[in-house]
């Protein structure tokens, strides 16, 4: 139940924002667990430009490799994804940390 409380607090905080990126993130995080976004590293590698900040409103999975220097924010990461991201030189942060660093949501790429 602890994860659900953290998720509800995050959704409430993001829904109060006037910026579209945060409202869309709250909408996607509010879906039932079975319908929540899951993105593999291969998709991030294919679509995210070098040096960008990627937001996954759900879980990052470890299928694929990471060779780009990115900042990846997500609600959760699989252990395989954490290992591959750190080996590839990318940075892992939470959605809460990204919101604190970039409340305007500028230059954030949402992958679903």
N, C-alpha and C. Protein backbone atom coordinates (compact mmCIF):
# COMPACT_ATOMS: atom_id res chain seq x y z
N UNK A 1 0.80 -1.20 0.00
CA UNK A 1 0.00 0.00 0.00
C UNK A 1 0.85 1.27 0.00
N UNK A 2 2.12 1.14 0.44
CA UNK A 2 3.00 2.30 0.50
C UNK A 2 3.22 2.88 -0.90
N UNK A 3 3.40 2.02 -1.91
CA UNK A 3 3.61 2.50 -3.27
C UNK A 3 2.40 3.27 -3.76
N UNK A 4 1.21 2.80 -3.45
CA UNK A 4 -0.01 3.46 -3.91
C UNK A 4 -0.16 4.85 -3.28
N UNK A 5 0.20 4.99 -2.00
CA UNK A 5 0.12 6.30 -1.35
C UNK A 5 1.10 7.27 -2.01
N UNK A 6 2.32 6.81 -2.27
CA UNK A 6 3.31 7.65 -2.95
C UNK A 6 2.81 8.05 -4.34
N UNK A 7 2.20 7.11 -5.03
CA UNK A 7 1.67 7.39 -6.36
C UNK A 7 0.54 8.40 -6.30
N UNK A 8 -0.38 8.23 -5.38
CA UNK A 8 -1.49 9.17 -5.25
C UNK A 8 -1.01 10.57 -4.90
N UNK A 9 -0.02 10.68 -4.01
CA UNK A 9 0.54 11.99 -3.67
C UNK A 9 1.18 12.65 -4.89
N UNK A 10 1.91 11.86 -5.68
CA UNK A 10 2.55 12.39 -6.88
C UNK A 10 1.50 12.84 -7.90
N UNK A 11 0.48 12.04 -8.11
CA UNK A 11 -0.58 12.40 -9.06
C UNK A 11 -1.27 13.69 -8.62
N UNK A 12 -1.58 13.82 -7.35
CA UNK A 12 -2.22 15.04 -6.84
C UNK A 12 -1.35 16.26 -7.08
N UNK A 13 -0.05 16.13 -6.80
CA UNK A 13 0.87 17.25 -6.99
C UNK A 13 0.95 17.66 -8.46
N UNK A 14 1.02 16.68 -9.36
CA UNK A 14 1.16 16.97 -10.78
C UNK A 14 -0.12 17.54 -11.38
N UNK A 15 -1.28 17.09 -10.91
CA UNK A 15 -2.55 17.58 -11.44
C UNK A 15 -2.77 19.06 -11.14
N UNK A 16 -2.16 19.56 -10.11
CA UNK A 16 -2.33 20.97 -9.73
C UNK A 16 -1.53 21.91 -10.62
N UNK A 17 -0.64 21.37 -11.44
CA UNK A 17 0.22 22.20 -12.28
C UNK A 17 -0.51 22.64 -13.54
N UNK A 18 -0.11 23.78 -14.07
CA UNK A 18 -0.73 24.32 -15.25
C UNK A 18 -0.02 23.88 -16.53
N UNK A 19 1.11 23.23 -16.40
CA UNK A 19 1.90 22.80 -17.56
C UNK A 19 1.38 21.47 -18.09
N UNK A 20 1.27 21.36 -19.40
CA UNK A 20 0.71 20.18 -20.04
C UNK A 20 1.47 18.90 -19.77
N UNK A 21 2.80 18.99 -19.71
CA UNK A 21 3.60 17.78 -19.50
C UNK A 21 3.27 17.13 -18.16
N UNK A 22 3.05 17.92 -17.14
CA UNK A 22 2.76 17.37 -15.81
C UNK A 22 1.32 16.86 -15.73
N UNK A 23 0.39 17.56 -16.37
CA UNK A 23 -0.99 17.08 -16.39
C UNK A 23 -1.10 15.75 -17.13
N UNK A 24 -0.40 15.63 -18.25
CA UNK A 24 -0.42 14.38 -19.03
C UNK A 24 0.23 13.25 -18.23
N UNK A 25 1.30 13.55 -17.53
CA UNK A 25 1.96 12.54 -16.70
C UNK A 25 1.01 12.05 -15.60
N UNK A 26 0.31 12.97 -14.95
CA UNK A 26 -0.64 12.59 -13.90
C UNK A 26 -1.75 11.72 -14.47
N UNK A 27 -2.22 12.06 -15.66
CA UNK A 27 -3.28 11.28 -16.31
C UNK A 27 -2.81 9.85 -16.59
N UNK A 28 -1.60 9.70 -17.10
CA UNK A 28 -1.08 8.37 -17.42
C UNK A 28 -0.77 7.56 -16.17
N UNK A 29 -0.29 8.21 -15.12
CA UNK A 29 0.00 7.51 -13.87
C UNK A 29 -1.28 7.07 -13.15
N UNK A 30 -2.37 7.75 -13.41
CA UNK A 30 -3.63 7.45 -12.75
C UNK A 30 -4.36 6.24 -13.30
N UNK A 31 -3.85 5.66 -14.38
CA UNK A 31 -4.49 4.49 -14.96
C UNK A 31 -4.31 3.28 -14.05
N UNK A 32 -5.16 2.26 -14.20
CA UNK A 32 -4.97 1.03 -13.42
C UNK A 32 -3.60 0.41 -13.72
N UNK A 33 -3.07 -0.33 -12.78
CA UNK A 33 -1.73 -0.90 -12.91
C UNK A 33 -1.57 -1.71 -14.19
N UNK A 34 -2.57 -2.46 -14.58
CA UNK A 34 -2.46 -3.28 -15.79
C UNK A 34 -2.34 -2.45 -17.05
N UNK A 35 -2.82 -1.23 -17.01
CA UNK A 35 -2.79 -0.37 -18.20
C UNK A 35 -1.72 0.71 -18.11
N UNK A 36 -0.91 0.67 -17.06
CA UNK A 36 0.13 1.67 -16.89
C UNK A 36 1.24 1.47 -17.92
N UNK A 37 1.90 2.52 -18.26
CA UNK A 37 2.94 2.52 -19.29
C UNK A 37 4.14 1.69 -18.84
N UNK A 38 4.65 0.86 -19.77
CA UNK A 38 5.90 0.14 -19.58
C UNK A 38 6.73 0.35 -20.84
N UNK A 39 7.96 0.81 -20.68
CA UNK A 39 8.82 1.12 -21.82
C UNK A 39 10.13 0.38 -21.67
N UNK A 40 10.56 -0.30 -22.74
CA UNK A 40 11.85 -0.99 -22.74
C UNK A 40 12.97 -0.02 -23.08
N UNK A 41 14.17 -0.36 -22.65
CA UNK A 41 15.33 0.47 -22.95
C UNK A 41 15.55 0.62 -24.46
N UNK A 42 15.21 -0.40 -25.22
CA UNK A 42 15.39 -0.33 -26.67
C UNK A 42 14.56 0.81 -27.27
N UNK A 43 13.38 1.06 -26.75
CA UNK A 43 12.54 2.16 -27.25
C UNK A 43 13.15 3.51 -26.86
N UNK A 44 13.64 3.60 -25.64
CA UNK A 44 14.29 4.84 -25.21
C UNK A 44 15.50 5.13 -26.09
N UNK A 45 16.29 4.10 -26.35
CA UNK A 45 17.48 4.23 -27.18
C UNK A 45 17.11 4.67 -28.60
N UNK A 46 16.01 4.18 -29.12
CA UNK A 46 15.61 4.49 -30.49
C UNK A 46 15.03 5.89 -30.65
N UNK A 47 14.31 6.38 -29.66
CA UNK A 47 13.57 7.63 -29.83
C UNK A 47 14.10 8.85 -29.08
N UNK A 48 14.94 8.66 -28.09
CA UNK A 48 15.40 9.80 -27.29
C UNK A 48 16.72 10.34 -27.84
N UNK A 49 16.78 11.63 -28.13
CA UNK A 49 18.04 12.21 -28.60
C UNK A 49 19.09 12.27 -27.50
N UNK A 50 20.34 12.24 -27.90
CA UNK A 50 21.47 12.30 -26.98
C UNK A 50 21.36 13.54 -26.08
N UNK A 51 21.56 13.35 -24.79
CA UNK A 51 21.57 14.46 -23.83
C UNK A 51 20.19 14.92 -23.38
N UNK A 52 19.14 14.27 -23.82
CA UNK A 52 17.79 14.72 -23.48
C UNK A 52 17.34 14.17 -22.12
N UNK A 53 16.23 14.70 -21.67
CA UNK A 53 15.59 14.22 -20.45
C UNK A 53 14.33 13.47 -20.87
N UNK A 54 14.25 12.20 -20.50
CA UNK A 54 13.14 11.33 -20.89
C UNK A 54 12.27 11.06 -19.67
N UNK A 55 10.97 11.20 -19.84
CA UNK A 55 10.01 10.93 -18.78
C UNK A 55 9.15 9.74 -19.18
N UNK A 56 9.18 8.69 -18.37
CA UNK A 56 8.34 7.52 -18.58
C UNK A 56 7.32 7.48 -17.45
N UNK A 57 6.05 7.77 -17.75
CA UNK A 57 5.03 7.79 -16.69
C UNK A 57 4.57 6.37 -16.35
N UNK A 58 5.50 5.58 -15.86
CA UNK A 58 5.24 4.19 -15.52
C UNK A 58 6.55 3.51 -15.17
N UNK A 59 6.79 2.35 -15.80
CA UNK A 59 7.96 1.54 -15.46
C UNK A 59 8.89 1.40 -16.65
N UNK A 60 10.20 1.46 -16.39
CA UNK A 60 11.21 1.22 -17.40
C UNK A 60 11.68 -0.22 -17.24
N UNK A 61 11.64 -0.98 -18.36
CA UNK A 61 12.04 -2.38 -18.35
C UNK A 61 13.41 -2.54 -19.02
N UNK A 62 14.10 -3.62 -18.73
CA UNK A 62 15.49 -3.78 -19.11
C UNK A 62 15.79 -4.39 -20.46
N UNK A 63 14.81 -4.60 -21.33
CA UNK A 63 15.08 -5.18 -22.64
C UNK A 63 15.75 -4.14 -23.53
N UNK A 64 16.96 -4.41 -23.94
CA UNK A 64 17.71 -3.49 -24.78
C UNK A 64 18.96 -3.01 -24.08
N UNK A 65 19.69 -2.15 -24.77
CA UNK A 65 20.93 -1.60 -24.21
C UNK A 65 20.84 -0.09 -24.19
N UNK A 66 21.65 0.53 -23.37
CA UNK A 66 21.66 1.99 -23.27
C UNK A 66 23.08 2.45 -23.59
N UNK A 67 23.22 3.24 -24.66
CA UNK A 67 24.53 3.76 -25.03
C UNK A 67 24.55 5.28 -25.05
N UNK A 68 23.41 5.91 -24.85
CA UNK A 68 23.33 7.37 -24.89
C UNK A 68 23.38 7.95 -23.48
N UNK A 69 23.91 9.14 -23.39
CA UNK A 69 23.95 9.87 -22.12
C UNK A 69 22.63 10.63 -21.99
N UNK A 70 21.72 10.08 -21.20
CA UNK A 70 20.39 10.65 -20.99
C UNK A 70 20.11 10.78 -19.52
N UNK A 71 19.08 11.53 -19.21
CA UNK A 71 18.50 11.52 -17.87
C UNK A 71 17.13 10.89 -18.03
N UNK A 72 16.89 9.81 -17.29
CA UNK A 72 15.64 9.07 -17.41
C UNK A 72 14.89 9.15 -16.09
N UNK A 73 13.67 9.69 -16.16
CA UNK A 73 12.80 9.78 -14.99
C UNK A 73 11.62 8.85 -15.20
N UNK A 74 11.30 8.07 -14.17
CA UNK A 74 10.16 7.15 -14.25
C UNK A 74 9.64 6.90 -12.85
N UNK A 75 8.43 6.33 -12.78
CA UNK A 75 7.88 5.98 -11.48
C UNK A 75 8.64 4.79 -10.89
N UNK A 76 9.02 3.83 -11.75
CA UNK A 76 9.80 2.69 -11.26
C UNK A 76 10.68 2.13 -12.37
N UNK A 77 11.68 1.37 -11.97
CA UNK A 77 12.65 0.76 -12.88
C UNK A 77 12.82 -0.70 -12.48
N UNK A 78 12.92 -1.59 -13.48
CA UNK A 78 13.26 -2.97 -13.16
C UNK A 78 14.75 -3.02 -12.80
N UNK A 79 15.16 -4.09 -12.12
CA UNK A 79 16.58 -4.22 -11.74
C UNK A 79 17.47 -4.28 -12.98
N UNK A 80 17.03 -5.00 -14.02
CA UNK A 80 17.80 -5.07 -15.26
C UNK A 80 17.96 -3.72 -15.92
N UNK A 81 16.90 -2.91 -15.87
CA UNK A 81 16.96 -1.56 -16.45
C UNK A 81 17.93 -0.69 -15.66
N UNK A 82 17.87 -0.76 -14.34
CA UNK A 82 18.79 0.03 -13.51
C UNK A 82 20.25 -0.30 -13.84
N UNK A 83 20.53 -1.58 -13.97
CA UNK A 83 21.90 -2.01 -14.26
C UNK A 83 22.35 -1.52 -15.63
N UNK A 84 21.51 -1.72 -16.66
CA UNK A 84 21.86 -1.31 -18.02
C UNK A 84 22.00 0.20 -18.14
N UNK A 85 21.15 0.94 -17.47
CA UNK A 85 21.22 2.41 -17.53
C UNK A 85 22.50 2.91 -16.89
N UNK A 86 22.84 2.39 -15.72
CA UNK A 86 24.07 2.85 -15.05
C UNK A 86 25.31 2.43 -15.83
N UNK A 87 25.30 1.24 -16.44
CA UNK A 87 26.44 0.81 -17.25
C UNK A 87 26.58 1.65 -18.51
N UNK A 88 25.48 2.13 -19.05
CA UNK A 88 25.50 2.94 -20.26
C UNK A 88 25.83 4.40 -20.02
N UNK A 89 25.92 4.80 -18.77
CA UNK A 89 26.30 6.18 -18.45
C UNK A 89 25.13 7.14 -18.35
N UNK A 90 23.91 6.64 -18.41
CA UNK A 90 22.74 7.51 -18.26
C UNK A 90 22.44 7.70 -16.78
N UNK A 91 21.58 8.65 -16.49
CA UNK A 91 21.25 9.00 -15.10
C UNK A 91 19.80 8.64 -14.82
N UNK A 92 19.55 8.04 -13.65
CA UNK A 92 18.21 7.66 -13.22
C UNK A 92 17.74 8.64 -12.14
N UNK A 93 16.52 9.18 -12.33
CA UNK A 93 15.90 10.00 -11.30
C UNK A 93 14.41 9.65 -11.21
N UNK A 94 13.77 10.06 -10.14
CA UNK A 94 12.33 9.83 -10.01
C UNK A 94 11.58 10.98 -10.68
N UNK A 95 10.30 10.78 -10.91
CA UNK A 95 9.47 11.84 -11.48
C UNK A 95 9.40 13.02 -10.52
N UNK A 96 9.36 12.74 -9.22
CA UNK A 96 9.36 13.80 -8.21
C UNK A 96 10.62 14.66 -8.31
N UNK A 97 11.77 14.02 -8.47
CA UNK A 97 13.03 14.76 -8.60
C UNK A 97 13.05 15.59 -9.87
N UNK A 98 12.53 15.03 -10.97
CA UNK A 98 12.47 15.79 -12.22
C UNK A 98 11.57 17.00 -12.07
N UNK A 99 10.44 16.82 -11.42
CA UNK A 99 9.52 17.94 -11.20
C UNK A 99 10.19 19.04 -10.36
N UNK A 100 10.94 18.65 -9.34
CA UNK A 100 11.63 19.63 -8.50
C UNK A 100 12.71 20.38 -9.29
N UNK A 101 13.41 19.68 -10.18
CA UNK A 101 14.47 20.28 -10.97
C UNK A 101 13.93 21.13 -12.12
N UNK A 102 12.79 20.73 -12.68
CA UNK A 102 12.26 21.36 -13.88
C UNK A 102 10.74 21.55 -13.76
N UNK A 103 10.28 22.45 -12.90
CA UNK A 103 8.83 22.62 -12.72
C UNK A 103 8.11 23.12 -13.97
N UNK A 104 8.82 23.73 -14.90
CA UNK A 104 8.21 24.20 -16.13
C UNK A 104 8.03 23.07 -17.14
N UNK A 105 8.77 21.98 -16.96
CA UNK A 105 8.67 20.84 -17.87
C UNK A 105 9.30 21.09 -19.22
N UNK A 106 10.25 22.00 -19.30
CA UNK A 106 10.89 22.35 -20.57
C UNK A 106 11.86 21.25 -21.00
N UNK A 107 11.85 20.96 -22.28
CA UNK A 107 12.76 20.00 -22.91
C UNK A 107 12.64 18.60 -22.33
N UNK A 108 11.46 18.21 -21.93
CA UNK A 108 11.21 16.87 -21.41
C UNK A 108 10.49 16.07 -22.49
N UNK A 109 11.01 14.89 -22.81
CA UNK A 109 10.41 14.01 -23.80
C UNK A 109 9.65 12.92 -23.06
N UNK A 110 8.33 12.82 -23.30
CA UNK A 110 7.52 11.78 -22.68
C UNK A 110 7.49 10.59 -23.64
N UNK A 111 7.87 9.42 -23.15
CA UNK A 111 7.78 8.20 -23.95
C UNK A 111 6.73 7.29 -23.35
N UNK A 112 5.80 6.86 -24.20
CA UNK A 112 4.75 5.94 -23.75
C UNK A 112 4.70 4.72 -24.66
